[in-house]
PDB file of N, CA and C in Angstrom:
ATOM      1  N   PRO A   1      -6.446  -1.971  46.114  1.00  0.00           N
ATOM      2  CA  PRO A   1      -7.010  -2.589  44.945  1.00  0.00           C
ATOM      3  C   PRO A   1      -5.757  -2.905  43.892  1.00  0.00           C
ATOM      4  N   LYS A   2      -6.059  -3.983  43.174  1.00  0.00           N
ATOM      5  CA  LYS A   2      -4.983  -4.435  42.337  1.00  0.00           C
ATOM      6  C   LYS A   2      -5.057  -3.323  40.896  1.00  0.00           C
ATOM      7  N   LYS A   3      -3.822  -2.977  40.569  1.00  0.00           N
ATOM      8  CA  LYS A   3      -3.874  -2.182  39.393  1.00  0.00           C
ATOM      9  C   LYS A   3      -3.798  -3.076  38.102  1.00  0.00           C
ATOM     10  N   ILE A   4      -4.648  -2.684  37.113  1.00  0.00           N
ATOM     11  CA  ILE A   4      -4.831  -3.385  35.862  1.00  0.00           C
ATOM     12  C   ILE A   4      -3.987  -2.685  34.841  1.00  0.00           C
ATOM     13  N   LEU A   5      -3.011  -3.292  34.129  1.00  0.00           N
ATOM     14  CA  LEU A   5      -2.403  -2.630  33.046  1.00  0.00           C
ATOM     15  C   LEU A   5      -3.084  -2.901  31.755  1.00  0.00           C
ATOM     16  N   VAL A   6      -3.287  -1.835  30.908  1.00  0.00           N
ATOM     17  CA  VAL A   6      -4.057  -2.099  29.710  1.00  0.00           C
ATOM     18  C   VAL A   6      -3.102  -1.676  28.668  1.00  0.00           C
ATOM     19  N   ASN A   7      -2.837  -2.439  27.747  1.00  0.00           N
ATOM     20  CA  ASN A   7      -2.031  -2.139  26.534  1.00  0.00           C
ATOM     21  C   ASN A   7      -2.905  -1.416  25.462  1.00  0.00           C
ATOM     22  N   LYS A   8      -2.274  -0.148  25.086  1.00  0.00           N
ATOM     23  CA  LYS A   8      -2.834   0.581  24.202  1.00  0.00           C
ATOM     24  C   LYS A   8      -2.588   0.068  22.758  1.00  0.00           C
ATOM     25  N   THR A   9      -3.492  -0.084  21.883  1.00  0.00           N
ATOM     26  CA  THR A   9      -3.288  -0.705  20.485  1.00  0.00           C
ATOM     27  C   THR A   9      -3.381   0.688  19.484  1.00  0.00           C
ATOM     28  N   ASN A  10      -2.691   0.516  18.549  1.00  0.00           N
ATOM     29  CA  ASN A  10      -2.729   1.419  17.470  1.00  0.00           C
ATOM     30  C   ASN A  10      -4.100   1.341  16.693  1.00  0.00           C
ATOM     31  N   PRO A  11      -4.686   2.323  16.230  1.00  0.00           N
ATOM     32  CA  PRO A  11      -5.868   2.151  15.396  1.00  0.00           C
ATOM     33  C   PRO A  11      -5.479   1.439  14.132  1.00  0.00           C
ATOM     34  N   PRO A  12      -6.490   0.621  13.561  1.00  0.00           N
ATOM     35  CA  PRO A  12      -6.095  -0.150  12.432  1.00  0.00           C
ATOM     36  C   PRO A  12      -5.750   0.630  11.067  1.00  0.00           C
ATOM     37  N   LEU A  13      -4.834   0.259  10.391  1.00  0.00           N
ATOM     38  CA  LEU A  13      -4.499   0.980   9.145  1.00  0.00           C
ATOM     39  C   LEU A  13      -5.609   0.754   8.120  1.00  0.00           C
ATOM     40  N   GLY A  14      -6.050   1.645   7.287  1.00  0.00           N
ATOM     41  CA  GLY A  14      -6.901   1.551   6.130  1.00  0.00           C
ATOM     42  C   GLY A  14      -8.197   2.193   6.410  1.00  0.00           C
ATOM     43  N   ARG A  15      -9.218   1.793   5.734  1.00  0.00           N
ATOM     44  CA  ARG A  15     -10.511   2.647   5.797  1.00  0.00           C
ATOM     45  C   ARG A  15     -11.631   1.584   6.205  1.00  0.00           C
ATOM     46  N   SER A  16     -12.483   2.195   6.813  1.00  0.00           N
ATOM     47  CA  SER A  16     -13.771   1.455   7.242  1.00  0.00           C
ATOM     48  C   SER A  16     -14.569   0.923   5.938  1.00  0.00           C
ATOM     49  N   GLN A  17     -15.028  -0.285   5.930  1.00  0.00           N
ATOM     50  CA  GLN A  17     -15.946  -0.819   4.881  1.00  0.00           C
ATOM     51  C   GLN A  17     -17.433  -0.459   5.263  1.00  0.00           C
ATOM     52  N   LEU A  18     -17.659   0.132   6.191  1.00  0.00           N
ATOM     53  CA  LEU A  18     -18.977   0.486   6.682  1.00  0.00           C
ATOM     54  C   LEU A  18     -19.900   1.243   5.688  1.00  0.00           C
ATOM     55  N   PRO A  19     -19.326   2.246   4.962  1.00  0.00           N
ATOM     56  CA  PRO A  19     -20.222   2.867   3.895  1.00  0.00           C
ATOM     57  C   PRO A  19     -20.715   1.737   2.857  1.00  0.00           C
ATOM     58  N   ILE A  20     -19.964   0.794   2.647  1.00  0.00           N
ATOM     59  CA  ILE A  20     -20.430  -0.186   1.601  1.00  0.00           C
ATOM     60  C   ILE A  20     -21.633  -0.920   2.143  1.00  0.00           C
ATOM     61  N   TYR A  21     -21.607  -1.132   3.538  1.00  0.00           N
ATOM     62  CA  TYR A  21     -22.707  -2.022   4.116  1.00  0.00           C
ATOM     63  C   TYR A  21     -23.978  -1.081   4.232  1.00  0.00           C
ATOM     64  N   LYS A  22     -23.786   0.327   4.337  1.00  0.00           N
ATOM     65  CA  LYS A  22     -24.926   1.249   4.411  1.00  0.00           C
ATOM     66  C   LYS A  22     -25.288   1.507   2.952  1.00  0.00           C
ATOM     67  N   GLU A  23     -24.700   0.959   2.101  1.00  0.00           N
ATOM     68  CA  GLU A  23     -25.067   1.288   0.659  1.00  0.00           C
ATOM     69  C   GLU A  23     -24.828   2.876   0.274  1.00  0.00           C
ATOM     70  N   GLU A  24     -23.738   3.360   0.837  1.00  0.00           N
ATOM     71  CA  GLU A  24     -23.220   4.562   0.603  1.00  0.00           C
ATOM     72  C   GLU A  24     -21.998   4.522  -0.359  1.00  0.00           C
ATOM     73  N   GLU A  25     -21.525   5.584  -1.001  1.00  0.00           N
ATOM     74  CA  GLU A  25     -20.416   5.617  -1.941  1.00  0.00           C
ATOM     75  C   GLU A  25     -19.254   5.720  -0.990  1.00  0.00           C
ATOM     76  N   PRO A  26     -18.370   4.719  -0.974  1.00  0.00           N
ATOM     77  CA  PRO A  26     -17.085   4.742  -0.242  1.00  0.00           C
ATOM     78  C   PRO A  26     -16.136   5.703  -0.868  1.00  0.00           C
ATOM     79  N   LYS A  27     -15.274   6.397   0.058  1.00  0.00           N
ATOM     80  CA  LYS A  27     -14.159   7.263  -0.431  1.00  0.00           C
ATOM     81  C   LYS A  27     -13.152   6.299  -1.014  1.00  0.00           C
ATOM     82  N   PRO A  28     -12.478   6.673  -2.148  1.00  0.00           N
ATOM     83  CA  PRO A  28     -11.477   5.951  -2.677  1.00  0.00           C
ATOM     84  C   PRO A  28     -10.144   6.101  -1.782  1.00  0.00           C
ATOM     85  N   HIS A  29      -9.349   5.030  -1.884  1.00  0.00           N
ATOM     86  CA  HIS A  29      -8.159   5.105  -1.206  1.00  0.00           C
ATOM     87  C   HIS A  29      -7.155   5.955  -2.072  1.00  0.00           C
ATOM     88  N   LYS A  30      -6.201   6.615  -1.315  1.00  0.00           N
ATOM     89  CA  LYS A  30      -5.124   7.310  -2.045  1.00  0.00           C
ATOM     90  C   LYS A  30      -4.198   6.364  -2.595  1.00  0.00           C
ATOM     91  N   GLU A  31      -3.842   5.287  -1.799  1.00  0.00           N
ATOM     92  CA  GLU A  31      -2.987   4.248  -2.152  1.00  0.00           C
ATOM     93  C   GLU A  31      -3.373   2.844  -1.693  1.00  0.00           C
ATOM     94  N   ILE A  32      -3.140   1.869  -2.416  1.00  0.00           N
ATOM     95  CA  ILE A  32      -3.382   0.589  -1.988  1.00  0.00           C
ATOM     96  C   ILE A  32      -2.038  -0.230  -1.938  1.00  0.00           C
ATOM     97  N   TYR A  33      -1.796  -0.750  -0.798  1.00  0.00           N
ATOM     98  CA  TYR A  33      -0.439  -1.416  -0.553  1.00  0.00           C
ATOM     99  C   TYR A  33      -0.803  -3.053  -0.379  1.00  0.00           C
ATOM    100  N   TRP A  34       0.116  -3.787  -0.853  1.00  0.00           N
ATOM    101  CA  TRP A  34      -0.079  -5.312  -0.617  1.00  0.00           C
ATOM    102  C   TRP A  34       1.455  -5.956  -0.663  1.00  0.00           C
ATOM    103  N   ARG A  35       1.352  -7.102  -0.123  1.00  0.00           N
ATOM    104  CA  ARG A  35       2.620  -7.894  -0.294  1.00  0.00           C
ATOM    105  C   ARG A  35       1.993  -9.460  -0.188  1.00  0.00           C
ATOM    106  N   PHE A  36       2.638 -10.203  -1.117  1.00  0.00           N
ATOM    107  CA  PHE A  36       2.189 -11.695  -1.129  1.00  0.00           C
ATOM    108  C   PHE A  36       3.413 -12.526  -1.458  1.00  0.00           C
ATOM    109  N   ASN A  37       3.809 -13.324  -0.468  1.00  0.00           N
ATOM    110  CA  ASN A  37       5.176 -13.897  -0.380  1.00  0.00           C
ATOM    111  C   ASN A  37       6.094 -13.017  -0.563  1.00  0.00           C
ATOM    112  N   ARG A  38       7.008 -13.103  -1.801  1.00  0.00           N
ATOM    113  CA  ARG A  38       7.983 -12.193  -1.847  1.00  0.00           C
ATOM    114  C   ARG A  38       7.680 -11.047  -2.872  1.00  0.00           C
ATOM    115  N   GLU A  39       6.425 -10.967  -3.208  1.00  0.00           N
ATOM    116  CA  GLU A  39       6.098  -9.884  -4.265  1.00  0.00           C
ATOM    117  C   GLU A  39       5.465  -8.736  -3.403  1.00  0.00           C
ATOM    118  N   ASN A  40       5.776  -7.581  -3.799  1.00  0.00           N
ATOM    119  CA  ASN A  40       5.308  -6.294  -3.175  1.00  0.00           C
ATOM    120  C   ASN A  40       4.762  -5.281  -4.130  1.00  0.00           C
ATOM    121  N   ALA A  41       3.806  -4.499  -3.709  1.00  0.00           N
ATOM    122  CA  ALA A  41       3.242  -3.541  -4.520  1.00  0.00           C
ATOM    123  C   ALA A  41       2.512  -2.392  -3.888  1.00  0.00           C
ATOM    124  N   VAL A  42       2.407  -1.320  -4.572  1.00  0.00           N
ATOM    125  CA  VAL A  42       1.570  -0.135  -4.153  1.00  0.00           C
ATOM    126  C   VAL A  42       1.021   0.457  -5.438  1.00  0.00           C
ATOM    127  N   ARG A  43      -0.280   0.817  -5.300  1.00  0.00           N
ATOM    128  CA  ARG A  43      -0.944   1.388  -6.454  1.00  0.00           C
ATOM    129  C   ARG A  43      -1.456   2.812  -5.934  1.00  0.00           C
ATOM    130  N   GLN A  44      -1.219   3.798  -6.776  1.00  0.00           N
ATOM    131  CA  GLN A  44      -1.518   5.166  -6.449  1.00  0.00           C
ATOM    132  C   GLN A  44      -2.180   5.671  -7.904  1.00  0.00           C
ATOM    133  N   GLY A  45      -3.541   5.742  -7.733  1.00  0.00           N
ATOM    134  CA  GLY A  45      -4.343   6.205  -8.976  1.00  0.00           C
ATOM    135  C   GLY A  45      -4.072   5.102 -10.047  1.00  0.00           C
ATOM    136  N   ASP A  46      -3.620   5.493 -11.088  1.00  0.00           N
ATOM    137  CA  ASP A  46      -3.388   4.603 -12.336  1.00  0.00           C
ATOM    138  C   ASP A  46      -1.968   4.103 -12.322  1.00  0.00           C
ATOM    139  N   LEU A  47      -1.118   4.458 -11.359  1.00  0.00           N
ATOM    140  CA  LEU A  47       0.180   4.078 -11.371  1.00  0.00           C
ATOM    141  C   LEU A  47       0.457   2.848 -10.279  1.00  0.00           C
ATOM    142  N   LYS A  48       1.146   1.943 -10.613  1.00  0.00           N
ATOM    143  CA  LYS A  48       1.567   0.741  -9.686  1.00  0.00           C
ATOM    144  C   LYS A  48       3.035   0.246  -9.912  1.00  0.00           C
ATOM    145  N   VAL A  49       3.626   0.328  -8.742  1.00  0.00           N
ATOM    146  CA  VAL A  49       4.984  -0.293  -8.723  1.00  0.00           C
ATOM    147  C   VAL A  49       4.967  -1.734  -8.003  1.00  0.00           C
ATOM    148  N   VAL A  50       5.757  -2.540  -8.619  1.00  0.00           N
ATOM    149  CA  VAL A  50       5.661  -3.853  -8.358  1.00  0.00           C
ATOM    150  C   VAL A  50       6.971  -4.403  -8.113  1.00  0.00           C
ATOM    151  N   ARG A  51       7.303  -5.171  -7.094  1.00  0.00           N
ATOM    152  CA  ARG A  51       8.691  -5.892  -6.904  1.00  0.00           C
ATOM    153  C   ARG A  51       8.354  -7.372  -6.698  1.00  0.00           C
ATOM    154  N   ALA A  52       9.076  -8.264  -7.664  1.00  0.00           N
ATOM    155  CA  ALA A  52       8.823  -9.535  -7.475  1.00  0.00           C
ATOM    156  C   ALA A  52      10.306 -10.065  -7.276  1.00  0.00           C
ATOM    157  N   GLY A  53      11.386  -9.278  -7.336  1.00  0.00           N
ATOM    158  CA  GLY A  53      12.808  -9.615  -7.106  1.00  0.00           C
ATOM    159  C   GLY A  53      13.375  -8.640  -6.434  1.00  0.00           C
ATOM    160  N   LYS A  54      14.492  -8.067  -7.029  1.00  0.00           N
ATOM    161  CA  LYS A  54      15.307  -7.102  -6.357  1.00  0.00           C
ATOM    162  C   LYS A  54      14.871  -5.673  -6.817  1.00  0.00           C
ATOM    163  N   SER A  55      14.474  -5.516  -8.002  1.00  0.00           N
ATOM    164  CA  SER A  55      14.051  -4.128  -8.530  1.00  0.00           C
ATOM    165  C   SER A  55      12.611  -3.876  -8.791  1.00  0.00           C
ATOM    166  N   TRP A  56      12.311  -2.639  -8.505  1.00  0.00           N
ATOM    167  CA  TRP A  56      10.964  -2.236  -8.719  1.00  0.00           C
ATOM    168  C   TRP A  56      10.668  -2.004 -10.244  1.00  0.00           C
ATOM    169  N   GLU A  57       9.457  -2.296 -10.569  1.00  0.00           N
ATOM    170  CA  GLU A  57       8.871  -1.915 -11.847  1.00  0.00           C
ATOM    171  C   GLU A  57       7.589  -1.123 -11.597  1.00  0.00           C
ATOM    172  N   LEU A  58       7.549  -0.162 -12.614  1.00  0.00           N
ATOM    173  CA  LEU A  58       6.358   0.743 -12.735  1.00  0.00           C
ATOM    174  C   LEU A  58       5.539   0.540 -14.053  1.00  0.00           C
ATOM    175  N   TYR A  59       4.184   0.625 -13.658  1.00  0.00           N
ATOM    176  CA  TYR A  59       3.192   0.575 -14.695  1.00  0.00           C
ATOM    177  C   TYR A  59       2.145   1.488 -14.614  1.00  0.00           C
ATOM    178  N   ASP A  60       1.640   1.933 -15.817  1.00  0.00           N
ATOM    179  CA  ASP A  60       0.361   2.741 -15.916  1.00  0.00           C
ATOM    180  C   ASP A  60      -0.712   1.921 -16.267  1.00  0.00           C
ATOM    181  N   LEU A  61      -1.545   1.756 -15.261  1.00  0.00           N
ATOM    182  CA  LEU A  61      -2.610   0.699 -15.439  1.00  0.00           C
ATOM    183  C   LEU A  61      -3.752   1.136 -16.434  1.00  0.00           C
ATOM    184  N   LYS A  62      -3.850   2.426 -16.538  1.00  0.00           N
ATOM    185  CA  LYS A  62      -4.865   3.017 -17.530  1.00  0.00           C
ATOM    186  C   LYS A  62      -4.317   2.716 -18.878  1.00  0.00           C
ATOM    187  N   ALA A  63      -3.168   3.039 -19.223  1.00  0.00           N
ATOM    188  CA  ALA A  63      -2.548   2.826 -20.627  1.00  0.00           C
ATOM    189  C   ALA A  63      -2.117   1.376 -20.899  1.00  0.00           C
ATOM    190  N   ASP A  64      -1.922   0.690 -19.816  1.00  0.00           N
ATOM    191  CA  ASP A  64      -1.266  -0.661 -19.897  1.00  0.00           C
ATOM    192  C   ASP A  64      -1.874  -1.537 -18.899  1.00  0.00           C
ATOM    193  N   PRO A  65      -3.203  -2.038 -18.922  1.00  0.00           N
ATOM    194  CA  PRO A  65      -3.881  -2.805 -17.937  1.00  0.00           C
ATOM    195  C   PRO A  65      -3.295  -4.146 -17.765  1.00  0.00           C
ATOM    196  N   THR A  66      -2.543  -4.715 -18.673  1.00  0.00           N
ATOM    197  CA  THR A  66      -1.960  -6.006 -18.544  1.00  0.00           C
ATOM    198  C   THR A  66      -0.500  -6.122 -18.032  1.00  0.00           C
ATOM    199  N   GLU A  67      -0.030  -4.749 -17.747  1.00  0.00           N
ATOM    200  CA  GLU A  67       1.325  -4.570 -17.145  1.00  0.00           C
ATOM    201  C   GLU A  67       2.511  -5.225 -18.122  1.00  0.00           C
ATOM    202  N   THR A  68       2.477  -4.841 -19.270  1.00  0.00           N
ATOM    203  CA  THR A  68       3.544  -5.213 -20.195  1.00  0.00           C
ATOM    204  C   THR A  68       4.644  -4.378 -20.398  1.00  0.00           C
ATOM    205  N   LYS A  69       4.463  -2.935 -20.051  1.00  0.00           N
ATOM    206  CA  LYS A  69       5.442  -1.918 -20.500  1.00  0.00           C
ATOM    207  C   LYS A  69       5.857  -1.422 -19.113  1.00  0.00           C
ATOM    208  N   ASN A  70       7.070  -1.863 -18.672  1.00  0.00           N
ATOM    209  CA  ASN A  70       7.765  -1.350 -17.510  1.00  0.00           C
ATOM    210  C   ASN A  70       8.261   0.128 -17.709  1.00  0.00           C
ATOM    211  N   LEU A  71       7.772   1.026 -16.926  1.00  0.00           N
ATOM    212  CA  LEU A  71       8.172   2.488 -16.987  1.00  0.00           C
ATOM    213  C   LEU A  71       9.232   2.959 -16.023  1.00  0.00           C
ATOM    214  N   ALA A  72       9.808   1.968 -15.277  1.00  0.00           N
ATOM    215  CA  ALA A  72      10.552   2.474 -14.202  1.00  0.00           C
ATOM    216  C   ALA A  72      11.901   3.170 -14.734  1.00  0.00           C
ATOM    217  N   LYS A  73      12.418   2.835 -15.864  1.00  0.00           N
ATOM    218  CA  LYS A  73      13.670   3.540 -16.352  1.00  0.00           C
ATOM    219  C   LYS A  73      13.151   4.946 -16.910  1.00  0.00           C
ATOM    220  N   GLU A  74      12.070   5.055 -17.571  1.00  0.00           N
ATOM    221  CA  GLU A  74      11.446   6.308 -18.032  1.00  0.00           C
ATOM    222  C   GLU A  74      11.016   7.219 -16.789  1.00  0.00           C
ATOM    223  N   ARG A  75      10.567   6.590 -15.820  1.00  0.00           N
ATOM    224  CA  ARG A  75      10.062   7.536 -14.665  1.00  0.00           C
ATOM    225  C   ARG A  75      10.718   7.183 -13.294  1.00  0.00           C
ATOM    226  N   PRO A  76      11.972   7.196 -13.251  1.00  0.00           N
ATOM    227  CA  PRO A  76      12.835   6.769 -12.067  1.00  0.00           C
ATOM    228  C   PRO A  76      12.385   7.473 -10.804  1.00  0.00           C
ATOM    229  N   LYS A  77      12.051   8.789 -10.795  1.00  0.00           N
ATOM    230  CA  LYS A  77      11.683   9.560  -9.537  1.00  0.00           C
ATOM    231  C   LYS A  77      10.288   9.007  -9.024  1.00  0.00           C
ATOM    232  N   LYS A  78       9.407   8.909 -10.011  1.00  0.00           N
ATOM    233  CA  LYS A  78       8.147   8.317  -9.401  1.00  0.00           C
ATOM    234  C   LYS A  78       8.204   6.993  -8.988  1.00  0.00           C
ATOM    235  N   THR A  79       9.027   6.058  -9.711  1.00  0.00           N
ATOM    236  CA  THR A  79       9.272   4.780  -9.092  1.00  0.00           C
ATOM    237  C   THR A  79       9.789   4.711  -7.850  1.00  0.00           C
ATOM    238  N   ALA A  80      10.898   5.466  -7.563  1.00  0.00           N
ATOM    239  CA  ALA A  80      11.447   5.674  -6.207  1.00  0.00           C
ATOM    240  C   ALA A  80      10.514   6.226  -5.279  1.00  0.00           C
ATOM    241  N   GLU A  81       9.685   7.112  -5.515  1.00  0.00           N
ATOM    242  CA  GLU A  81       8.718   7.679  -4.647  1.00  0.00           C
ATOM    243  C   GLU A  81       7.724   6.616  -4.224  1.00  0.00           C
ATOM    244  N   LEU A  82       7.004   5.901  -4.996  1.00  0.00           N
ATOM    245  CA  LEU A  82       6.128   4.849  -4.739  1.00  0.00           C
ATOM    246  C   LEU A  82       6.906   3.688  -4.012  1.00  0.00           C
ATOM    247  N   ALA A  83       8.088   3.220  -4.303  1.00  0.00           N
ATOM    248  CA  ALA A  83       8.816   2.293  -3.672  1.00  0.00           C
ATOM    249  C   ALA A  83       9.036   2.627  -2.182  1.00  0.00           C
ATOM    250  N   GLN A  84       9.463   3.803  -2.023  1.00  0.00           N
ATOM    251  CA  GLN A  84       9.585   4.375  -0.751  1.00  0.00           C
ATOM    252  C   GLN A  84       8.411   4.424   0.060  1.00  0.00           C
ATOM    253  N   MET A  85       7.376   4.707  -0.446  1.00  0.00           N
ATOM    254  CA  MET A  85       5.961   4.691   0.239  1.00  0.00           C
ATOM    255  C   MET A  85       5.681   3.170   0.574  1.00  0.00           C
ATOM    256  N   TRP A  86       5.961   2.321  -0.213  1.00  0.00           N
ATOM    257  CA  TRP A  86       5.809   0.707   0.210  1.00  0.00           C
ATOM    258  C   TRP A  86       6.742   0.456   1.387  1.00  0.00           C
ATOM    259  N   GLU A  87       7.975   0.868   1.329  1.00  0.00           N
ATOM    260  CA  GLU A  87       8.972   0.641   2.313  1.00  0.00           C
ATOM    261  C   GLU A  87       8.425   1.211   3.742  1.00  0.00           C
ATOM    262  N   ASP A  88       8.007   2.444   3.645  1.00  0.00           N
ATOM    263  CA  ASP A  88       7.563   2.962   4.874  1.00  0.00           C
ATOM    264  C   ASP A  88       6.201   2.314   5.441  1.00  0.00           C
ATOM    265  N   TRP A  89       5.302   2.057   4.593  1.00  0.00           N
ATOM    266  CA  TRP A  89       4.138   1.247   4.985  1.00  0.00           C
ATOM    267  C   TRP A  89       4.583  -0.094   5.621  1.00  0.00           C
ATOM    268  N   ASN A  90       5.550  -0.757   5.019  1.00  0.00           N
ATOM    269  CA  ASN A  90       5.878  -2.016   5.535  1.00  0.00           C
ATOM    270  C   ASN A  90       6.543  -1.943   6.967  1.00  0.00           C
ATOM    271  N   GLU A  91       7.292  -0.897   7.202  1.00  0.00           N
ATOM    272  CA  GLU A  91       7.912  -0.568   8.364  1.00  0.00           C
ATOM    273  C   GLU A  91       6.767  -0.465   9.463  1.00  0.00           C
ATOM    274  N   ASP A  92       5.723   0.397   9.144  1.00  0.00           N
ATOM    275  CA  ASP A  92       4.551   0.657  10.022  1.00  0.00           C
ATOM    276  C   ASP A  92       3.905  -0.550  10.270  1.00  0.00           C
ATOM    277  N   CYS A  93       3.809  -1.444   9.435  1.00  0.00           N
ATOM    278  CA  CYS A  93       3.165  -2.840   9.665  1.00  0.00           C
ATOM    279  C   CYS A  93       3.768  -3.442  10.745  1.00  0.00           C
ATOM    280  N   LYS A  94       5.034  -3.483  10.938  1.00  0.00           N
ATOM    281  CA  LYS A  94       5.817  -4.182  11.869  1.00  0.00           C
ATOM    282  C   LYS A  94       5.782  -3.718  13.403  1.00  0.00           C
ATOM    283  N   ILE A  95       5.222  -2.519  13.544  1.00  0.00           N
ATOM    284  CA  ILE A  95       5.091  -1.867  14.778  1.00  0.00           C
ATOM    285  C   ILE A  95       4.034  -2.728  15.590  1.00  0.00           C
ATOM    286  N   ARG A  96       4.485  -3.000  16.782  1.00  0.00           N
ATOM    287  CA  ARG A  96       3.447  -3.819  17.664  1.00  0.00           C
ATOM    288  C   ARG A  96       3.178  -2.900  18.943  1.00  0.00           C
ATOM    289  N   PRO A  97       1.933  -2.964  19.355  1.00  0.00           N
ATOM    290  CA  PRO A  97       1.465  -2.267  20.557  1.00  0.00           C
ATOM    291  C   PRO A  97       2.350  -2.623  21.769  1.00  0.00           C
ATOM    292  N   LYS A  98       2.627  -1.784  22.580  1.00  0.00           N
ATOM    293  CA  LYS A  98       3.422  -2.135  23.874  1.00  0.00           C
ATOM    294  C   LYS A  98       2.595  -2.506  24.876  1.00  0.00           C
TER     295      LYS A  98
END
């Protein structure tokens, strides 16, 4: 008999949208990641880091929903933490199944 090779694929990243269709309350995400062209961002709770150029900016969306006050210099550790989370997520997205 001929041997068939099957490629294993990684499970998809993210959460199932099934609870929404079942009219159940979905569990909130811990973080939400995205990239659009050269813009990158991750949101964790009310905090969001954004990079549209070389440096990351940090915003508190609860206190500043229009993102006018960049907190990156006031909170460099949190900015670096969220930025690293985005970088790790971005690397995970590049992994292809063998």
